[in-house]
PDB file of all heavy atoms in Angstrom:
ATOM      1  N   ARG A   1      -1.145  -0.328   2.215  1.00  0.00           N
ATOM      2  CA  ARG A   1      -1.690  -1.244   1.054  1.00  0.00           C
ATOM      3  C   ARG A   1      -2.559  -0.398   0.093  1.00  0.00           C
ATOM      4  O   ARG A   1      -2.625  -0.786  -1.101  1.00  0.00           O
ATOM      5  CB  ARG A   1      -2.583  -2.267   1.659  1.00  0.00           C
ATOM      6  CG  ARG A   1      -1.796  -3.346   2.405  1.00  0.00           C
ATOM      7  CD  ARG A   1      -2.598  -4.571   2.909  1.00  0.00           C
ATOM      8  NE  ARG A   1      -1.740  -5.497   3.660  1.00  0.00           N
ATOM      9  CZ  ARG A   1      -1.767  -5.560   5.002  1.00  0.00           C
ATOM     10  NH1 ARG A   1      -2.640  -4.846   5.798  1.00  0.00           N
ATOM     11  NH2 ARG A   1      -0.971  -6.490   5.580  1.00  0.00           N
ATOM     12  N   SER A   2      -3.179   0.656   0.600  1.00  0.00           N
ATOM     13  CA  SER A   2      -3.942   1.519  -0.365  1.00  0.00           C
ATOM     14  C   SER A   2      -3.135   2.565  -1.032  1.00  0.00           C
ATOM     15  O   SER A   2      -3.392   3.106  -2.145  1.00  0.00           O
ATOM     16  CB  SER A   2      -5.049   2.098   0.406  1.00  0.00           C
ATOM     17  OG  SER A   2      -4.666   2.975   1.325  1.00  0.00           O
ATOM     18  N   GLU A   3      -1.946   2.892  -0.362  1.00  0.00           N
ATOM     19  CA  GLU A   3      -1.090   3.966  -0.891  1.00  0.00           C
ATOM     20  C   GLU A   3       0.439   3.455  -0.744  1.00  0.00           C
ATOM     21  O   GLU A   3       1.186   3.875   0.071  1.00  0.00           O
ATOM     22  CB  GLU A   3      -1.195   5.346  -0.071  1.00  0.00           C
ATOM     23  CG  GLU A   3      -2.617   5.812  -0.091  1.00  0.00           C
ATOM     24  CD  GLU A   3      -2.772   7.145   0.761  1.00  0.00           C
ATOM     25  OE1 GLU A   3      -1.724   7.582   1.251  1.00  0.00           O
ATOM     26  OE2 GLU A   3      -3.859   7.537   0.959  1.00  0.00           O
ATOM     27  N   PRO A   4       0.733   2.480  -1.585  1.00  0.00           N
ATOM     28  CA  PRO A   4       2.103   1.812  -1.563  1.00  0.00           C
ATOM     29  C   PRO A   4       3.243   2.889  -1.625  1.00  0.00           C
ATOM     30  O   PRO A   4       3.085   3.865  -2.403  1.00  0.00           O
ATOM     31  CB  PRO A   4       2.164   0.850  -2.665  1.00  0.00           C
ATOM     32  CG  PRO A   4       0.668   0.571  -2.971  1.00  0.00           C
ATOM     33  CD  PRO A   4      -0.055   1.937  -2.648  1.00  0.00           C
ATOM     34  N   LYS A   5       4.306   2.638  -0.916  1.00  0.00           N
ATOM     35  CA  LYS A   5       5.538   3.469  -0.958  1.00  0.00           C
ATOM     36  C   LYS A   5       6.752   2.800  -1.349  1.00  0.00           C
ATOM     37  O   LYS A   5       6.916   1.619  -1.134  1.00  0.00           O
ATOM     38  CB  LYS A   5       5.698   4.133   0.428  1.00  0.00           C
ATOM     39  CG  LYS A   5       4.534   4.905   0.941  1.00  0.00           C
ATOM     40  CD  LYS A   5       4.201   6.222   0.189  1.00  0.00           C
ATOM     41  CE  LYS A   5       3.071   6.999   0.733  1.00  0.00           C
ATOM     42  NZ  LYS A   5       2.710   8.165  -0.043  1.00  0.00           N
ATOM     43  N   ARG A   6       7.726   3.552  -1.862  1.00  0.00           N
ATOM     44  CA  ARG A   6       9.020   3.040  -2.239  1.00  0.00           C
ATOM     45  C   ARG A   6      10.031   3.289  -1.024  1.00  0.00           C
ATOM     46  O   ARG A   6      10.251   4.484  -0.675  1.00  0.00           O
ATOM     47  CB  ARG A   6       9.688   3.756  -3.434  1.00  0.00           C
ATOM     48  CG  ARG A   6       8.970   3.320  -4.794  1.00  0.00           C
ATOM     49  CD  ARG A   6       9.404   4.264  -5.933  1.00  0.00           C
ATOM     50  NE  ARG A   6      10.882   4.253  -6.028  1.00  0.00           N
ATOM     51  CZ  ARG A   6      11.587   3.463  -6.698  1.00  0.00           C
ATOM     52  NH1 ARG A   6      10.938   2.403  -7.283  1.00  0.00           N
ATOM     53  NH2 ARG A   6      12.839   3.413  -6.709  1.00  0.00           N
ATOM     54  N   ILE A   7      10.434   2.238  -0.445  1.00  0.00           N
ATOM     55  CA  ILE A   7      11.419   2.348   0.822  1.00  0.00           C
ATOM     56  C   ILE A   7      12.755   1.830   0.440  1.00  0.00           C
ATOM     57  O   ILE A   7      12.789   0.611  -0.231  1.00  0.00           O
ATOM     58  CB  ILE A   7      10.763   1.634   1.931  1.00  0.00           C
ATOM     59  CG1 ILE A   7       9.512   2.341   2.426  1.00  0.00           C
ATOM     60  CG2 ILE A   7      11.805   1.552   3.070  1.00  0.00           C
ATOM     61  CD1 ILE A   7       9.794   3.844   2.871  1.00  0.00           C
ATOM     62  N   VAL A   8      13.768   2.459   0.664  1.00  0.00           N
ATOM     63  CA  VAL A   8      15.160   2.086   0.581  1.00  0.00           C
ATOM     64  C   VAL A   8      15.586   1.324   1.754  1.00  0.00           C
ATOM     65  O   VAL A   8      15.600   1.767   2.885  1.00  0.00           O
ATOM     66  CB  VAL A   8      16.092   3.161   0.309  1.00  0.00           C
ATOM     67  CG1 VAL A   8      17.562   2.650   0.113  1.00  0.00           C
ATOM     68  CG2 VAL A   8      15.623   4.034  -0.830  1.00  0.00           C
ATOM     69  N   PHE A   9      16.077   0.031   1.567  1.00  0.00           N
ATOM     70  CA  PHE A   9      16.689  -0.710   2.552  1.00  0.00           C
ATOM     71  C   PHE A   9      18.208  -0.682   2.368  1.00  0.00           C
ATOM     72  O   PHE A   9      18.762  -1.204   1.397  1.00  0.00           O
ATOM     73  CB  PHE A   9      16.238  -2.153   2.504  1.00  0.00           C
ATOM     74  CG  PHE A   9      14.791  -2.366   2.868  1.00  0.00           C
ATOM     75  CD1 PHE A   9      13.792  -2.211   1.816  1.00  0.00           C
ATOM     76  CD2 PHE A   9      14.367  -2.843   4.130  1.00  0.00           C
ATOM     77  CE1 PHE A   9      12.444  -2.276   2.297  1.00  0.00           C
ATOM     78  CE2 PHE A   9      13.049  -3.003   4.420  1.00  0.00           C
ATOM     79  CZ  PHE A   9      12.026  -2.781   3.503  1.00  0.00           C
ATOM     80  N   ALA A  10      18.828   0.188   3.260  1.00  0.00           N
ATOM     81  CA  ALA A  10      20.279   0.536   2.985  1.00  0.00           C
ATOM     82  C   ALA A  10      21.223  -0.642   2.964  1.00  0.00           C
ATOM     83  O   ALA A  10      22.248  -0.699   2.386  1.00  0.00           O
ATOM     84  CB  ALA A  10      20.728   1.607   3.931  1.00  0.00           C
ATOM     85  N   GLU A  11      20.868  -1.684   3.894  1.00  0.00           N
ATOM     86  CA  GLU A  11      21.857  -2.792   3.950  1.00  0.00           C
ATOM     87  C   GLU A  11      21.273  -3.963   3.169  1.00  0.00           C
ATOM     88  O   GLU A  11      20.858  -4.956   3.819  1.00  0.00           O
ATOM     89  CB  GLU A  11      22.070  -3.101   5.489  1.00  0.00           C
ATOM     90  CG  GLU A  11      22.716  -1.974   6.129  1.00  0.00           C
ATOM     91  CD  GLU A  11      22.170  -1.486   7.448  1.00  0.00           C
ATOM     92  OE1 GLU A  11      20.872  -1.409   7.496  1.00  0.00           O
ATOM     93  OE2 GLU A  11      22.930  -1.307   8.371  1.00  0.00           O
ATOM     94  N   GLY A  12      21.124  -3.827   1.849  1.00  0.00           N
ATOM     95  CA  GLY A  12      20.410  -4.793   1.148  1.00  0.00           C
ATOM     96  C   GLY A  12      21.054  -6.276   0.974  1.00  0.00           C
ATOM     97  O   GLY A  12      20.388  -7.055   0.468  1.00  0.00           O
ATOM     98  N   GLU A  13      22.199  -6.356   1.487  1.00  0.00           N
ATOM     99  CA  GLU A  13      22.919  -7.588   1.353  1.00  0.00           C
ATOM    100  C   GLU A  13      22.718  -8.495   2.655  1.00  0.00           C
ATOM    101  O   GLU A  13      22.958  -9.670   2.728  1.00  0.00           O
ATOM    102  CB  GLU A  13      24.417  -7.495   1.157  1.00  0.00           C
ATOM    103  CG  GLU A  13      24.729  -6.801  -0.143  1.00  0.00           C
ATOM    104  CD  GLU A  13      26.233  -6.518  -0.393  1.00  0.00           C
ATOM    105  OE1 GLU A  13      26.915  -6.885   0.574  1.00  0.00           O
ATOM    106  OE2 GLU A  13      26.542  -5.916  -1.363  1.00  0.00           O
ATOM    107  N   ASP A  14      22.154  -7.824   3.663  1.00  0.00           N
ATOM    108  CA  ASP A  14      21.958  -8.519   4.952  1.00  0.00           C
ATOM    109  C   ASP A  14      20.761  -9.504   4.857  1.00  0.00           C
ATOM    110  O   ASP A  14      19.657  -9.052   4.464  1.00  0.00           O
ATOM    111  CB  ASP A  14      21.791  -7.566   6.111  1.00  0.00           C
ATOM    112  CG  ASP A  14      21.747  -8.173   7.498  1.00  0.00           C
ATOM    113  OD1 ASP A  14      22.866  -8.522   8.046  1.00  0.00           O
ATOM    114  OD2 ASP A  14      20.567  -8.512   7.887  1.00  0.00           O
ATOM    115  N   PRO A  15      20.843 -10.779   5.363  1.00  0.00           N
ATOM    116  CA  PRO A  15      19.618 -11.712   5.279  1.00  0.00           C
ATOM    117  C   PRO A  15      18.487 -11.204   5.983  1.00  0.00           C
ATOM    118  O   PRO A  15      17.341 -11.367   5.501  1.00  0.00           O
ATOM    119  CB  PRO A  15      20.311 -12.950   5.873  1.00  0.00           C
ATOM    120  CG  PRO A  15      21.804 -12.837   5.653  1.00  0.00           C
ATOM    121  CD  PRO A  15      22.059 -11.415   5.789  1.00  0.00           C
ATOM    122  N   ALA A  16      18.642 -10.612   7.209  1.00  0.00           N
ATOM    123  CA  ALA A  16      17.475 -10.185   7.941  1.00  0.00           C
ATOM    124  C   ALA A  16      16.847  -9.099   7.218  1.00  0.00           C
ATOM    125  O   ALA A  16      15.536  -8.941   7.178  1.00  0.00           O
ATOM    126  CB  ALA A  16      17.919  -9.747   9.296  1.00  0.00           C
ATOM    127  N   VAL A  17      17.590  -8.153   6.589  1.00  0.00           N
ATOM    128  CA  VAL A  17      17.056  -7.003   5.824  1.00  0.00           C
ATOM    129  C   VAL A  17      16.268  -7.594   4.664  1.00  0.00           C
ATOM    130  O   VAL A  17      15.133  -7.146   4.249  1.00  0.00           O
ATOM    131  CB  VAL A  17      18.177  -6.150   5.414  1.00  0.00           C
ATOM    132  CG1 VAL A  17      17.577  -5.020   4.405  1.00  0.00           C
ATOM    133  CG2 VAL A  17      18.792  -5.390   6.643  1.00  0.00           C
ATOM    134  N   ILE A  18      16.889  -8.601   3.949  1.00  0.00           N
ATOM    135  CA  ILE A  18      16.144  -9.172   2.797  1.00  0.00           C
ATOM    136  C   ILE A  18      14.858  -9.744   3.085  1.00  0.00           C
ATOM    137  O   ILE A  18      13.837  -9.627   2.424  1.00  0.00           O
ATOM    138  CB  ILE A  18      17.117 -10.163   2.096  1.00  0.00           C
ATOM    139  CG1 ILE A  18      18.244  -9.496   1.321  1.00  0.00           C
ATOM    140  CG2 ILE A  18      16.357 -11.105   1.114  1.00  0.00           C
ATOM    141  CD1 ILE A  18      19.306 -10.296   0.831  1.00  0.00           C
ATOM    142  N   ARG A  19      14.828 -10.550   4.310  1.00  0.00           N
ATOM    143  CA  ARG A  19      13.537 -11.154   4.724  1.00  0.00           C
ATOM    144  C   ARG A  19      12.506  -9.952   5.101  1.00  0.00           C
ATOM    145  O   ARG A  19      11.240 -10.133   4.739  1.00  0.00           O
ATOM    146  CB  ARG A  19      13.729 -12.035   5.947  1.00  0.00           C
ATOM    147  CG  ARG A  19      14.567 -13.303   5.597  1.00  0.00           C
ATOM    148  CD  ARG A  19      14.479 -14.177   6.831  1.00  0.00           C
ATOM    149  NE  ARG A  19      15.055 -13.746   8.017  1.00  0.00           N
ATOM    150  CZ  ARG A  19      16.244 -13.826   8.417  1.00  0.00           C
ATOM    151  NH1 ARG A  19      17.159 -14.461   7.499  1.00  0.00           N
ATOM    152  NH2 ARG A  19      16.802 -13.351   9.519  1.00  0.00           N
ATOM    153  N   ALA A  20      12.965  -8.944   5.720  1.00  0.00           N
ATOM    154  CA  ALA A  20      12.080  -7.747   6.071  1.00  0.00           C
ATOM    155  C   ALA A  20      11.607  -7.167   4.710  1.00  0.00           C
ATOM    156  O   ALA A  20      10.316  -6.776   4.631  1.00  0.00           O
ATOM    157  CB  ALA A  20      12.729  -6.843   6.918  1.00  0.00           C
ATOM    158  N   ALA A  21      12.440  -6.976   3.793  1.00  0.00           N
ATOM    159  CA  ALA A  21      12.045  -6.342   2.503  1.00  0.00           C
ATOM    160  C   ALA A  21      11.022  -7.301   1.724  1.00  0.00           C
ATOM    161  O   ALA A  21      10.126  -6.787   1.177  1.00  0.00           O
ATOM    162  CB  ALA A  21      13.243  -6.139   1.663  1.00  0.00           C
ATOM    163  N   ASN A  22      11.159  -8.662   1.947  1.00  0.00           N
ATOM    164  CA  ASN A  22      10.301  -9.552   1.323  1.00  0.00           C
ATOM    165  C   ASN A  22       9.005  -9.446   1.958  1.00  0.00           C
ATOM    166  O   ASN A  22       7.789  -9.427   1.339  1.00  0.00           O
ATOM    167  CB  ASN A  22      10.781 -10.931   1.420  1.00  0.00           C
ATOM    168  CG  ASN A  22       9.862 -11.949   0.792  1.00  0.00           C
ATOM    169  OD1 ASN A  22       9.553 -11.846  -0.400  1.00  0.00           O
ATOM    170  ND2 ASN A  22       9.459 -12.991   1.539  1.00  0.00           N
ATOM    171  N   SER A  23       8.937  -9.322   3.283  1.00  0.00           N
ATOM    172  CA  SER A  23       7.664  -9.164   3.962  1.00  0.00           C
ATOM    173  C   SER A  23       6.897  -7.830   3.586  1.00  0.00           C
ATOM    174  O   SER A  23       5.735  -7.744   3.429  1.00  0.00           O
ATOM    175  CB  SER A  23       7.874  -9.146   5.536  1.00  0.00           C
ATOM    176  OG  SER A  23       8.351 -10.502   6.033  1.00  0.00           O
ATOM    177  N   TYR A  24       7.718  -6.752   3.475  1.00  0.00           N
ATOM    178  CA  TYR A  24       7.247  -5.506   3.035  1.00  0.00           C
ATOM    179  C   TYR A  24       6.508  -5.548   1.676  1.00  0.00           C
ATOM    180  O   TYR A  24       5.414  -5.041   1.557  1.00  0.00           O
ATOM    181  CB  TYR A  24       8.367  -4.441   2.860  1.00  0.00           C
ATOM    182  CG  TYR A  24       7.975  -3.134   2.674  1.00  0.00           C
ATOM    183  CD1 TYR A  24       7.646  -2.156   3.640  1.00  0.00           C
ATOM    184  CD2 TYR A  24       7.928  -2.641   1.342  1.00  0.00           C
ATOM    185  CE1 TYR A  24       7.292  -0.841   3.357  1.00  0.00           C
ATOM    186  CE2 TYR A  24       7.534  -1.330   0.976  1.00  0.00           C
ATOM    187  CZ  TYR A  24       7.265  -0.413   2.036  1.00  0.00           C
ATOM    188  OH  TYR A  24       6.879   0.861   1.783  1.00  0.00           O
ATOM    189  N   VAL A  25       7.122  -6.266   0.727  1.00  0.00           N
ATOM    190  CA  VAL A  25       6.575  -6.411  -0.553  1.00  0.00           C
ATOM    191  C   VAL A  25       5.380  -7.400  -0.527  1.00  0.00           C
ATOM    192  O   VAL A  25       4.356  -7.063  -1.084  1.00  0.00           O
ATOM    193  CB  VAL A  25       7.673  -6.966  -1.523  1.00  0.00           C
ATOM    194  CG1 VAL A  25       7.013  -7.423  -2.878  1.00  0.00           C
ATOM    195  CG2 VAL A  25       8.721  -5.846  -1.818  1.00  0.00           C
ATOM    196  N   SER A  26       5.539  -8.533   0.190  1.00  0.00           N
ATOM    197  CA  SER A  26       4.505  -9.563   0.175  1.00  0.00           C
ATOM    198  C   SER A  26       3.338  -8.985   0.824  1.00  0.00           C
ATOM    199  O   SER A  26       2.106  -9.456   0.503  1.00  0.00           O
ATOM    200  CB  SER A  26       5.004 -10.740   1.030  1.00  0.00           C
ATOM    201  OG  SER A  26       6.157 -11.312   0.326  1.00  0.00           O
ATOM    202  N   GLN A  27       3.297  -8.085   1.833  1.00  0.00           N
ATOM    203  CA  GLN A  27       2.145  -7.529   2.426  1.00  0.00           C
ATOM    204  C   GLN A  27       1.506  -6.346   1.667  1.00  0.00           C
ATOM    205  O   GLN A  27       0.527  -5.785   2.082  1.00  0.00           O
ATOM    206  CB  GLN A  27       2.470  -7.083   3.834  1.00  0.00           C
ATOM    207  CG  GLN A  27       2.858  -8.237   4.781  1.00  0.00           C
ATOM    208  CD  GLN A  27       2.868  -7.930   6.265  1.00  0.00           C
ATOM    209  OE1 GLN A  27       1.942  -7.175   6.638  1.00  0.00           O
ATOM    210  NE2 GLN A  27       3.847  -8.355   6.919  1.00  0.00           N
ATOM    211  N   GLY A  28       2.038  -6.120   0.532  1.00  0.00           N
ATOM    212  CA  GLY A  28       1.490  -5.130  -0.370  1.00  0.00           C
ATOM    213  C   GLY A  28       1.808  -3.682   0.057  1.00  0.00           C
ATOM    214  O   GLY A  28       1.036  -2.757  -0.344  1.00  0.00           O
ATOM    215  N   PHE A  29       2.824  -3.469   0.785  1.00  0.00           N
ATOM    216  CA  PHE A  29       3.167  -2.132   1.312  1.00  0.00           C
ATOM    217  C   PHE A  29       3.864  -1.236   0.251  1.00  0.00           C
ATOM    218  O   PHE A  29       3.815  -0.028   0.315  1.00  0.00           O
ATOM    219  CB  PHE A  29       4.102  -2.223   2.535  1.00  0.00           C
ATOM    220  CG  PHE A  29       3.573  -2.792   3.741  1.00  0.00           C
ATOM    221  CD1 PHE A  29       4.287  -3.287   4.779  1.00  0.00           C
ATOM    222  CD2 PHE A  29       2.150  -3.043   3.884  1.00  0.00           C
ATOM    223  CE1 PHE A  29       3.732  -3.873   5.899  1.00  0.00           C
ATOM    224  CE2 PHE A  29       1.534  -3.665   4.938  1.00  0.00           C
ATOM    225  CZ  PHE A  29       2.369  -4.099   5.954  1.00  0.00           C
ATOM    226  N   GLY A  30       4.345  -1.844  -0.830  1.00  0.00           N
ATOM    227  CA  GLY A  30       5.029  -1.082  -1.858  1.00  0.00           C
ATOM    228  C   GLY A  30       6.247  -1.697  -2.425  1.00  0.00           C
ATOM    229  O   GLY A  30       6.389  -2.903  -2.416  1.00  0.00           O
ATOM    230  N   THR A  31       7.204  -0.897  -2.845  1.00  0.00           N
ATOM    231  CA  THR A  31       8.371  -1.346  -3.536  1.00  0.00           C
ATOM    232  C   THR A  31       9.606  -1.303  -2.558  1.00  0.00           C
ATOM    233  O   THR A  31       9.814  -0.366  -1.890  1.00  0.00           O
ATOM    234  CB  THR A  31       8.720  -0.481  -4.810  1.00  0.00           C
ATOM    235  OG1 THR A  31       7.607  -0.545  -5.669  1.00  0.00           O
ATOM    236  CG2 THR A  31      10.043  -0.889  -5.440  1.00  0.00           C
ATOM    237  N   ALA A  32      10.402  -2.343  -2.499  1.00  0.00           N
ATOM    238  CA  ALA A  32      11.583  -2.379  -1.702  1.00  0.00           C
ATOM    239  C   ALA A  32      12.862  -2.135  -2.632  1.00  0.00           C
ATOM    240  O   ALA A  32      13.041  -2.997  -3.511  1.00  0.00           O
ATOM    241  CB  ALA A  32      11.805  -3.726  -1.043  1.00  0.00           C
ATOM    242  N   VAL A  33      13.518  -1.146  -2.272  1.00  0.00           N
ATOM    243  CA  VAL A  33      14.802  -0.823  -2.981  1.00  0.00           C
ATOM    244  C   VAL A  33      15.864  -1.217  -2.148  1.00  0.00           C
ATOM    245  O   VAL A  33      16.103  -0.668  -1.019  1.00  0.00           O
ATOM    246  CB  VAL A  33      14.890   0.783  -3.279  1.00  0.00           C
ATOM    247  CG1 VAL A  33      16.137   0.989  -4.115  1.00  0.00           C
ATOM    248  CG2 VAL A  33      13.622   1.261  -4.036  1.00  0.00           C
ATOM    249  N   LEU A  34      16.746  -2.185  -2.609  1.00  0.00           N
ATOM    250  CA  LEU A  34      17.810  -2.766  -1.800  1.00  0.00           C
ATOM    251  C   LEU A  34      19.156  -2.201  -2.362  1.00  0.00           C
ATOM    252  O   LEU A  34      19.492  -2.298  -3.554  1.00  0.00           O
ATOM    253  CB  LEU A  34      17.740  -4.264  -1.975  1.00  0.00           C
ATOM    254  CG  LEU A  34      16.541  -5.017  -1.368  1.00  0.00           C
ATOM    255  CD1 LEU A  34      15.953  -6.042  -2.221  1.00  0.00           C
ATOM    256  CD2 LEU A  34      16.826  -5.467   0.034  1.00  0.00           C
TER     257      LEU A  34
END
């Protein structure tokens, strides 16, 4: 949260991955690249 990072989610079309990416962003961890 203090040092956000850009993370690539390789399987960006998968619903579980999208929900995880949303949690990653919502918790302030950084940018989700799908």
